[in-house]
Amino acid sequence: MGRTNPTFRDLVRTVEERWQAFRRTLRRRDQPRFDRLFEYVREHADAGGILNYEDRLAPMLISIDLEQERRLDDLDERVDALEADLNDAESEHADR
């Protein structure tokens, strides 16, 4: 017997297709950002597929949030490293 319910990946494709008119009207600079949001969702499609959630958009939005949190954490680490390097350089310069 075949599946009677679409998979989560099928749902993601359907939602992305429905939003194509919106994407086309975005400024060109924002279109890659829009595409990236769906990349984030596909990145977590396995987790989204596990849920039998009534609101199928909720796992998509959480997937986007998770990836944006990961990017923020990465940026925080980079800023901390740069600040530490700057402080080290200032300390060395003050010691001279």
PDB file of N, CA and C in Angstrom:
ATOM      1  N   MET A   1       0.825  -1.187   0.000  1.00  0.00           N
ATOM      2  CA  MET A   1       0.000   0.000   0.000  1.00  0.00           C
ATOM      3  C   MET A   1       0.871   1.253   0.000  1.00  0.00           C
ATOM      4  N   GLY A   2       0.387   2.293  -0.654  1.00  0.00           N
ATOM      5  CA  GLY A   2       1.128   3.545  -0.706  1.00  0.00           C
ATOM      6  C   GLY A   2       0.815   4.432   0.481  1.00  0.00           C
ATOM      7  N   ARG A   3       1.551   5.501   0.561  1.00  0.00           N
ATOM      8  CA  ARG A   3       1.328   6.478   1.634  1.00  0.00           C
ATOM      9  C   ARG A   3       0.050   7.253   1.349  1.00  0.00           C
ATOM     10  N   THR A   4      -0.690   7.509   2.393  1.00  0.00           N
ATOM     11  CA  THR A   4      -1.893   8.321   2.237  1.00  0.00           C
ATOM     12  C   THR A   4      -1.637   9.769   2.621  1.00  0.00           C
ATOM     13  N   ASN A   5      -0.598  10.010   3.400  1.00  0.00           N
ATOM     14  CA  ASN A   5      -0.256  11.365   3.823  1.00  0.00           C
ATOM     15  C   ASN A   5       1.045  11.795   3.153  1.00  0.00           C
ATOM     16  N   PRO A   6       1.114  13.051   2.751  1.00  0.00           N
ATOM     17  CA  PRO A   6       2.385  13.522   2.187  1.00  0.00           C
ATOM     18  C   PRO A   6       3.473  13.552   3.257  1.00  0.00           C
ATOM     19  N   THR A   7       4.704  13.379   2.833  1.00  0.00           N
ATOM     20  CA  THR A   7       5.821  13.450   3.769  1.00  0.00           C
ATOM     21  C   THR A   7       6.069  14.909   4.131  1.00  0.00           C
ATOM     22  N   PHE A   8       6.865  15.103   5.149  1.00  0.00           N
ATOM     23  CA  PHE A   8       7.220  16.465   5.549  1.00  0.00           C
ATOM     24  C   PHE A   8       7.987  17.155   4.427  1.00  0.00           C
ATOM     25  N   ARG A   9       8.866  16.406   3.761  1.00  0.00           N
ATOM     26  CA  ARG A   9       9.613  16.995   2.637  1.00  0.00           C
ATOM     27  C   ARG A   9       8.664  17.427   1.520  1.00  0.00           C
ATOM     28  N   ASP A  10       7.625  16.630   1.266  1.00  0.00           N
ATOM     29  CA  ASP A  10       6.610  17.021   0.276  1.00  0.00           C
ATOM     30  C   ASP A  10       5.925  18.312   0.704  1.00  0.00           C
ATOM     31  N   LEU A  11       5.605  18.412   1.978  1.00  0.00           N
ATOM     32  CA  LEU A  11       4.969  19.617   2.504  1.00  0.00           C
ATOM     33  C   LEU A  11       5.877  20.833   2.322  1.00  0.00           C
ATOM     34  N   VAL A  12       7.154  20.663   2.599  1.00  0.00           N
ATOM     35  CA  VAL A  12       8.107  21.778   2.439  1.00  0.00           C
ATOM     36  C   VAL A  12       8.117  22.238   0.985  1.00  0.00           C
ATOM     37  N   ARG A  13       8.185  21.288   0.055  1.00  0.00           N
ATOM     38  CA  ARG A  13       8.170  21.649  -1.373  1.00  0.00           C
ATOM     39  C   ARG A  13       6.886  22.396  -1.733  1.00  0.00           C
ATOM     40  N   THR A  14       5.757  21.926  -1.226  1.00  0.00           N
ATOM     41  CA  THR A  14       4.469  22.558  -1.515  1.00  0.00           C
ATOM     42  C   THR A  14       4.428  23.989  -0.983  1.00  0.00           C
ATOM     43  N   VAL A  15       4.864  24.167   0.251  1.00  0.00           N
ATOM     44  CA  VAL A  15       4.869  25.506   0.850  1.00  0.00           C
ATOM     45  C   VAL A  15       5.802  26.426   0.070  1.00  0.00           C
ATOM     46  N   GLU A  16       6.973  25.920  -0.265  1.00  0.00           N
ATOM     47  CA  GLU A  16       7.923  26.744  -1.022  1.00  0.00           C
ATOM     48  C   GLU A  16       7.337  27.142  -2.378  1.00  0.00           C
ATOM     49  N   GLU A  17       6.665  26.236  -3.034  1.00  0.00           N
ATOM     50  CA  GLU A  17       6.037  26.554  -4.327  1.00  0.00           C
ATOM     51  C   GLU A  17       4.941  27.611  -4.162  1.00  0.00           C
ATOM     52  N   ARG A  18       4.181  27.506  -3.092  1.00  0.00           N
ATOM     53  CA  ARG A  18       3.110  28.487  -2.846  1.00  0.00           C
ATOM     54  C   ARG A  18       3.657  29.886  -2.607  1.00  0.00           C
ATOM     55  N   TRP A  19       4.863  29.976  -2.095  1.00  0.00           N
ATOM     56  CA  TRP A  19       5.472  31.265  -1.771  1.00  0.00           C
ATOM     57  C   TRP A  19       6.304  31.836  -2.925  1.00  0.00           C
ATOM     58  N   GLN A  20       6.306  31.192  -4.082  1.00  0.00           N
ATOM     59  CA  GLN A  20       7.141  31.664  -5.186  1.00  0.00           C
ATOM     60  C   GLN A  20       6.727  33.030  -5.713  1.00  0.00           C
ATOM     61  N   ALA A  21       5.439  33.334  -5.734  1.00  0.00           N
ATOM     62  CA  ALA A  21       5.003  34.671  -6.181  1.00  0.00           C
ATOM     63  C   ALA A  21       5.544  35.738  -5.232  1.00  0.00           C
ATOM     64  N   PHE A  22       5.514  35.457  -3.939  1.00  0.00           N
ATOM     65  CA  PHE A  22       6.076  36.373  -2.947  1.00  0.00           C
ATOM     66  C   PHE A  22       7.568  36.553  -3.198  1.00  0.00           C
ATOM     67  N   ARG A  23       8.268  35.426  -3.419  1.00  0.00           N
ATOM     68  CA  ARG A  23       9.716  35.474  -3.646  1.00  0.00           C
ATOM     69  C   ARG A  23      10.045  36.334  -4.862  1.00  0.00           C
ATOM     70  N   ARG A  24       9.277  36.146  -5.942  1.00  0.00           N
ATOM     71  CA  ARG A  24       9.552  36.898  -7.172  1.00  0.00           C
ATOM     72  C   ARG A  24       9.407  38.401  -6.970  1.00  0.00           C
ATOM     73  N   THR A  25       8.535  38.816  -6.044  1.00  0.00           N
ATOM     74  CA  THR A  25       8.326  40.252  -5.841  1.00  0.00           C
ATOM     75  C   THR A  25       9.306  40.854  -4.834  1.00  0.00           C
ATOM     76  N   LEU A  26      10.081  40.006  -4.176  1.00  0.00           N
ATOM     77  CA  LEU A  26      11.116  40.528  -3.276  1.00  0.00           C
ATOM     78  C   LEU A  26      12.205  41.215  -4.088  1.00  0.00           C
ATOM     79  N   ARG A  27      12.898  42.114  -3.465  1.00  0.00           N
ATOM     80  CA  ARG A  27      14.076  42.706  -4.105  1.00  0.00           C
ATOM     81  C   ARG A  27      15.096  41.597  -4.342  1.00  0.00           C
ATOM     82  N   ARG A  28      15.852  41.740  -5.394  1.00  0.00           N
ATOM     83  CA  ARG A  28      16.820  40.695  -5.752  1.00  0.00           C
ATOM     84  C   ARG A  28      17.767  40.362  -4.606  1.00  0.00           C
ATOM     85  N   ARG A  29      18.144  41.377  -3.839  1.00  0.00           N
ATOM     86  CA  ARG A  29      19.088  41.135  -2.743  1.00  0.00           C
ATOM     87  C   ARG A  29      18.478  40.259  -1.650  1.00  0.00           C
ATOM     88  N   ASP A  30      17.149  40.243  -1.541  1.00  0.00           N
ATOM     89  CA  ASP A  30      16.484  39.454  -0.507  1.00  0.00           C
ATOM     90  C   ASP A  30      16.099  38.052  -0.967  1.00  0.00           C
ATOM     91  N   GLN A  31      16.079  37.818  -2.254  1.00  0.00           N
ATOM     92  CA  GLN A  31      15.697  36.497  -2.752  1.00  0.00           C
ATOM     93  C   GLN A  31      16.618  35.385  -2.253  1.00  0.00           C
ATOM     94  N   PRO A  32      17.942  35.565  -2.253  1.00  0.00           N
ATOM     95  CA  PRO A  32      18.799  34.504  -1.694  1.00  0.00           C
ATOM     96  C   PRO A  32      18.545  34.275  -0.206  1.00  0.00           C
ATOM     97  N   ARG A  33      18.209  35.318   0.519  1.00  0.00           N
ATOM     98  CA  ARG A  33      17.885  35.163   1.945  1.00  0.00           C
ATOM     99  C   ARG A  33      16.617  34.332   2.110  1.00  0.00           C
ATOM    100  N   PHE A  34      15.629  34.604   1.289  1.00  0.00           N
ATOM    101  CA  PHE A  34      14.397  33.822   1.307  1.00  0.00           C
ATOM    102  C   PHE A  34      14.700  32.354   1.008  1.00  0.00           C
ATOM    103  N   ASP A  35      15.506  32.114  -0.008  1.00  0.00           N
ATOM    104  CA  ASP A  35      15.880  30.737  -0.367  1.00  0.00           C
ATOM    105  C   ASP A  35      16.598  30.049   0.786  1.00  0.00           C
ATOM    106  N   ARG A  36      17.436  30.805   1.473  1.00  0.00           N
ATOM    107  CA  ARG A  36      18.190  30.241   2.599  1.00  0.00           C
ATOM    108  C   ARG A  36      17.253  29.746   3.702  1.00  0.00           C
ATOM    109  N   LEU A  37      16.137  30.429   3.916  1.00  0.00           N
ATOM    110  CA  LEU A  37      15.183  29.992   4.934  1.00  0.00           C
ATOM    111  C   LEU A  37      14.677  28.581   4.637  1.00  0.00           C
ATOM    112  N   PHE A  38      14.394  28.305   3.385  1.00  0.00           N
ATOM    113  CA  PHE A  38      13.934  26.961   3.030  1.00  0.00           C
ATOM    114  C   PHE A  38      15.069  25.952   3.081  1.00  0.00           C
ATOM    115  N   GLU A  39      16.294  26.398   2.856  1.00  0.00           N
ATOM    116  CA  GLU A  39      17.440  25.504   3.055  1.00  0.00           C
ATOM    117  C   GLU A  39      17.508  25.082   4.517  1.00  0.00           C
ATOM    118  N   TYR A  40      17.276  26.021   5.410  1.00  0.00           N
ATOM    119  CA  TYR A  40      17.268  25.708   6.838  1.00  0.00           C
ATOM    120  C   TYR A  40      16.198  24.673   7.170  1.00  0.00           C
ATOM    121  N   VAL A  41      15.025  24.848   6.573  1.00  0.00           N
ATOM    122  CA  VAL A  41      13.933  23.900   6.832  1.00  0.00           C
ATOM    123  C   VAL A  41      14.317  22.509   6.325  1.00  0.00           C
ATOM    124  N   ARG A  42      14.867  22.442   5.116  1.00  0.00           N
ATOM    125  CA  ARG A  42      15.276  21.137   4.579  1.00  0.00           C
ATOM    126  C   ARG A  42      16.376  20.508   5.420  1.00  0.00           C
ATOM    127  N   GLU A  43      17.212  21.329   6.012  1.00  0.00           N
ATOM    128  CA  GLU A  43      18.290  20.851   6.887  1.00  0.00           C
ATOM    129  C   GLU A  43      17.738  20.067   8.080  1.00  0.00           C
ATOM    130  N   HIS A  44      16.548  20.421   8.523  1.00  0.00           N
ATOM    131  CA  HIS A  44      15.929  19.785   9.690  1.00  0.00           C
ATOM    132  C   HIS A  44      14.684  18.981   9.319  1.00  0.00           C
ATOM    133  N   ALA A  45      14.585  18.583   8.054  1.00  0.00           N
ATOM    134  CA  ALA A  45      13.392  17.875   7.588  1.00  0.00           C
ATOM    135  C   ALA A  45      13.203  16.539   8.293  1.00  0.00           C
ATOM    136  N   ASP A  46      14.281  15.865   8.645  1.00  0.00           N
ATOM    137  CA  ASP A  46      14.132  14.589   9.347  1.00  0.00           C
ATOM    138  C   ASP A  46      13.428  14.790  10.681  1.00  0.00           C
ATOM    139  N   ALA A  47      13.841  15.809  11.412  1.00  0.00           N
ATOM    140  CA  ALA A  47      13.207  16.097  12.704  1.00  0.00           C
ATOM    141  C   ALA A  47      11.756  16.544  12.501  1.00  0.00           C
ATOM    142  N   GLY A  48      11.514  17.379  11.495  1.00  0.00           N
ATOM    143  CA  GLY A  48      10.155  17.843  11.225  1.00  0.00           C
ATOM    144  C   GLY A  48       9.231  16.714  10.812  1.00  0.00           C
ATOM    145  N   GLY A  49       9.781  15.714  10.132  1.00  0.00           N
ATOM    146  CA  GLY A  49       8.979  14.582   9.688  1.00  0.00           C
ATOM    147  C   GLY A  49       8.561  13.656  10.812  1.00  0.00           C
ATOM    148  N   ILE A  50       9.293  13.686  11.915  1.00  0.00           N
ATOM    149  CA  ILE A  50       8.970  12.827  13.056  1.00  0.00           C
ATOM    150  C   ILE A  50       7.672  13.277  13.726  1.00  0.00           C
ATOM    151  N   LEU A  51       7.462  14.592  13.724  1.00  0.00           N
ATOM    152  CA  LEU A  51       6.290  15.136  14.411  1.00  0.00           C
ATOM    153  C   LEU A  51       5.015  14.887  13.623  1.00  0.00           C
ATOM    154  N   ASN A  52       3.993  14.533  14.322  1.00  0.00           N
ATOM    155  CA  ASN A  52       2.671  14.483  13.726  1.00  0.00           C
ATOM    156  C   ASN A  52       1.922  15.694  14.265  1.00  0.00           C
ATOM    157  N   TYR A  53       2.454  16.861  13.929  1.00  0.00           N
ATOM    158  CA  TYR A  53       1.999  18.113  14.504  1.00  0.00           C
ATOM    159  C   TYR A  53       0.833  18.654  13.694  1.00  0.00           C
ATOM    160  N   GLU A  54      -0.174  19.150  14.376  1.00  0.00           N
ATOM    161  CA  GLU A  54      -1.353  19.666  13.694  1.00  0.00           C
ATOM    162  C   GLU A  54      -1.004  20.842  12.786  1.00  0.00           C
ATOM    163  N   ASP A  55      -0.206  21.773  13.289  1.00  0.00           N
ATOM    164  CA  ASP A  55       0.242  22.929  12.506  1.00  0.00           C
ATOM    165  C   ASP A  55       1.572  22.561  11.858  1.00  0.00           C
ATOM    166  N   ARG A  56       1.540  22.192  10.600  1.00  0.00           N
ATOM    167  CA  ARG A  56       2.746  21.708   9.925  1.00  0.00           C
ATOM    168  C   ARG A  56       3.765  22.824   9.679  1.00  0.00           C
ATOM    169  N   LEU A  57       3.372  24.087   9.807  1.00  0.00           N
ATOM    170  CA  LEU A  57       4.318  25.186   9.634  1.00  0.00           C
ATOM    171  C   LEU A  57       5.192  25.387  10.866  1.00  0.00           C
ATOM    172  N   ALA A  58       4.701  24.982  12.027  1.00  0.00           N
ATOM    173  CA  ALA A  58       5.462  25.194  13.265  1.00  0.00           C
ATOM    174  C   ALA A  58       6.843  24.541  13.210  1.00  0.00           C
ATOM    175  N   PRO A  59       6.987  23.274  12.790  1.00  0.00           N
ATOM    176  CA  PRO A  59       8.336  22.700  12.714  1.00  0.00           C
ATOM    177  C   PRO A  59       9.225  23.430  11.696  1.00  0.00           C
ATOM    178  N   MET A  60       8.606  23.966  10.643  1.00  0.00           N
ATOM    179  CA  MET A  60       9.381  24.721   9.659  1.00  0.00           C
ATOM    180  C   MET A  60       9.944  25.988  10.294  1.00  0.00           C
ATOM    181  N   LEU A  61       9.111  26.680  11.051  1.00  0.00           N
ATOM    182  CA  LEU A  61       9.553  27.922  11.692  1.00  0.00           C
ATOM    183  C   LEU A  61      10.610  27.650  12.762  1.00  0.00           C
ATOM    184  N   ILE A  62      10.439  26.573  13.512  1.00  0.00           N
ATOM    185  CA  ILE A  62      11.440  26.214  14.524  1.00  0.00           C
ATOM    186  C   ILE A  62      12.765  25.857  13.848  1.00  0.00           C
ATOM    187  N   SER A  63      12.701  25.183  12.706  1.00  0.00           N
ATOM    188  CA  SER A  63      13.927  24.850  11.967  1.00  0.00           C
ATOM    189  C   SER A  63      14.677  26.109  11.563  1.00  0.00           C
ATOM    190  N   ILE A  64      13.944  27.098  11.084  1.00  0.00           N
ATOM    191  CA  ILE A  64      14.557  28.375  10.705  1.00  0.00           C
ATOM    192  C   ILE A  64      15.170  29.030  11.933  1.00  0.00           C
ATOM    193  N   ASP A  65      14.418  29.033  13.038  1.00  0.00           N
ATOM    194  CA  ASP A  65      14.930  29.625  14.282  1.00  0.00           C
ATOM    195  C   ASP A  65      16.207  28.930  14.744  1.00  0.00           C
ATOM    196  N   LEU A  66      16.234  27.602  14.677  1.00  0.00           N
ATOM    197  CA  LEU A  66      17.429  26.863  15.107  1.00  0.00           C
ATOM    198  C   LEU A  66      18.653  27.252  14.295  1.00  0.00           C
ATOM    199  N   GLU A  67      18.493  27.328  12.989  1.00  0.00           N
ATOM    200  CA  GLU A  67      19.629  27.683  12.142  1.00  0.00           C
ATOM    201  C   GLU A  67      20.077  29.121  12.385  1.00  0.00           C
ATOM    202  N   GLN A  68      19.132  30.018  12.603  1.00  0.00           N
ATOM    203  CA  GLN A  68      19.517  31.401  12.885  1.00  0.00           C
ATOM    204  C   GLN A  68      20.207  31.502  14.240  1.00  0.00           C
ATOM    205  N   GLU A  69      19.760  30.725  15.208  1.00  0.00           N
ATOM    206  CA  GLU A  69      20.445  30.685  16.508  1.00  0.00           C
ATOM    207  C   GLU A  69      21.867  30.160  16.349  1.00  0.00           C
ATOM    208  N   ARG A  70      22.022  29.125  15.532  1.00  0.00           N
ATOM    209  CA  ARG A  70      23.363  28.573  15.290  1.00  0.00           C
ATOM    210  C   ARG A  70      24.258  29.644  14.675  1.00  0.00           C
ATOM    211  N   ARG A  71      23.724  30.389  13.707  1.00  0.00           N
ATOM    212  CA  ARG A  71      24.521  31.442  13.075  1.00  0.00           C
ATOM    213  C   ARG A  71      24.878  32.539  14.069  1.00  0.00           C
ATOM    214  N   LEU A  72      23.929  32.906  14.938  1.00  0.00           N
ATOM    215  CA  LEU A  72      24.224  33.911  15.964  1.00  0.00           C
ATOM    216  C   LEU A  72      25.312  33.426  16.918  1.00  0.00           C
ATOM    217  N   ASP A  73      25.234  32.164  17.322  1.00  0.00           N
ATOM    218  CA  ASP A  73      26.270  31.601  18.203  1.00  0.00           C
ATOM    219  C   ASP A  73      27.637  31.643  17.535  1.00  0.00           C
ATOM    220  N   ASP A  74      27.670  31.278  16.249  1.00  0.00           N
ATOM    221  CA  ASP A  74      28.935  31.320  15.508  1.00  0.00           C
ATOM    222  C   ASP A  74      29.491  32.743  15.446  1.00  0.00           C
ATOM    223  N   LEU A  75      28.623  33.695  15.190  1.00  0.00           N
ATOM    224  CA  LEU A  75      29.065  35.100  15.135  1.00  0.00           C
ATOM    225  C   LEU A  75      29.534  35.595  16.500  1.00  0.00           C
ATOM    226  N   ASP A  76      28.829  35.205  17.562  1.00  0.00           N
ATOM    227  CA  ASP A  76      29.260  35.572  18.916  1.00  0.00           C
ATOM    228  C   ASP A  76      30.660  35.032  19.205  1.00  0.00           C
ATOM    229  N   GLU A  77      30.908  33.795  18.823  1.00  0.00           N
ATOM    230  CA  GLU A  77      32.232  33.197  19.041  1.00  0.00           C
ATOM    231  C   GLU A  77      33.303  33.953  18.261  1.00  0.00           C
ATOM    232  N   ARG A  78      32.976  34.330  17.020  1.00  0.00           N
ATOM    233  CA  ARG A  78      33.945  35.080  16.210  1.00  0.00           C
ATOM    234  C   ARG A  78      34.235  36.446  16.821  1.00  0.00           C
ATOM    235  N   VAL A  79      33.180  37.133  17.276  1.00  0.00           N
ATOM    236  CA  VAL A  79      33.364  38.445  17.911  1.00  0.00           C
ATOM    237  C   VAL A  79      34.218  38.298  19.164  1.00  0.00           C
ATOM    238  N   ASP A  80      33.922  37.288  19.991  1.00  0.00           N
ATOM    239  CA  ASP A  80      34.710  37.067  21.210  1.00  0.00           C
ATOM    240  C   ASP A  80      36.179  36.813  20.879  1.00  0.00           C
ATOM    241  N   ALA A  81      36.430  36.019  19.850  1.00  0.00           N
ATOM    242  CA  ALA A  81      37.811  35.727  19.460  1.00  0.00           C
ATOM    243  C   ALA A  81      38.511  36.997  18.960  1.00  0.00           C
ATOM    244  N   LEU A  82      37.814  37.788  18.173  1.00  0.00           N
ATOM    245  CA  LEU A  82      38.403  39.036  17.674  1.00  0.00           C
ATOM    246  C   LEU A  82      38.673  40.023  18.807  1.00  0.00           C
ATOM    247  N   GLU A  83      37.742  40.105  19.749  1.00  0.00           N
ATOM    248  CA  GLU A  83      37.955  40.991  20.887  1.00  0.00           C
ATOM    249  C   GLU A  83      39.136  40.524  21.733  1.00  0.00           C
ATOM    250  N   ALA A  84      39.277  39.225  21.915  1.00  0.00           N
ATOM    251  CA  ALA A  84      40.408  38.698  22.678  1.00  0.00           C
ATOM    252  C   ALA A  84      41.716  39.007  21.960  1.00  0.00           C
ATOM    253  N   ASP A  85      41.736  38.830  20.637  1.00  0.00           N
ATOM    254  CA  ASP A  85      42.936  39.157  19.863  1.00  0.00           C
ATOM    255  C   ASP A  85      43.268  40.641  19.972  1.00  0.00           C
ATOM    256  N   LEU A  86      42.245  41.479  19.911  1.00  0.00           N
ATOM    257  CA  LEU A  86      42.447  42.920  20.018  1.00  0.00           C
ATOM    258  C   LEU A  86      42.980  43.290  21.395  1.00  0.00           C
ATOM    259  N   ASN A  87      42.416  42.690  22.432  1.00  0.00           N
ATOM    260  CA  ASN A  87      42.889  42.955  23.794  1.00  0.00           C
ATOM    261  C   ASN A  87      44.335  42.498  23.969  1.00  0.00           C
ATOM    262  N   ASP A  88      44.675  41.341  23.411  1.00  0.00           N
ATOM    263  CA  ASP A  88      46.057  40.866  23.474  1.00  0.00           C
ATOM    264  C   ASP A  88      47.007  41.820  22.776  1.00  0.00           C
ATOM    265  N   ALA A  89      46.588  42.292  21.601  1.00  0.00           N
ATOM    266  CA  ALA A  89      47.431  43.230  20.843  1.00  0.00           C
ATOM    267  C   ALA A  89      47.597  44.542  21.594  1.00  0.00           C
ATOM    268  N   GLU A  90      46.526  45.027  22.229  1.00  0.00           N
ATOM    269  CA  GLU A  90      46.616  46.269  22.998  1.00  0.00           C
ATOM    270  C   GLU A  90      47.507  46.084  24.211  1.00  0.00           C
ATOM    271  N   SER A  91      47.455  44.936  24.858  1.00  0.00           N
ATOM    272  CA  SER A  91      48.302  44.649  26.023  1.00  0.00           C
ATOM    273  C   SER A  91      49.771  44.615  25.622  1.00  0.00           C
ATOM    274  N   GLU A  92      50.047  43.982  24.486  1.00  0.00           N
ATOM    275  CA  GLU A  92      51.438  43.923  24.008  1.00  0.00           C
ATOM    276  C   GLU A  92      51.936  45.319  23.677  1.00  0.00           C
ATOM    277  N   HIS A  93      51.083  46.116  23.063  1.00  0.00           N
ATOM    278  CA  HIS A  93      51.495  47.474  22.695  1.00  0.00           C
ATOM    279  C   HIS A  93      51.715  48.332  23.950  1.00  0.00           C
ATOM    280  N   ALA A  94      50.915  48.149  24.970  1.00  0.00           N
ATOM    281  CA  ALA A  94      51.043  48.912  26.216  1.00  0.00           C
ATOM    282  C   ALA A  94      52.309  48.510  26.967  1.00  0.00           C
ATOM    283  N   ASP A  95      52.715  47.252  26.836  1.00  0.00           N
ATOM    284  CA  ASP A  95      53.906  46.764  27.528  1.00  0.00           C
ATOM    285  C   ASP A  95      55.197  47.325  26.922  1.00  0.00           C
ATOM    286  N   ARG A  96      55.122  47.819  25.737  1.00  0.00           N
ATOM    287  CA  ARG A  96      56.349  48.312  25.056  1.00  0.00           C
ATOM    288  C   ARG A  96      56.714  49.661  25.511  1.00  0.00           C
TER     289      ARG A  96
END
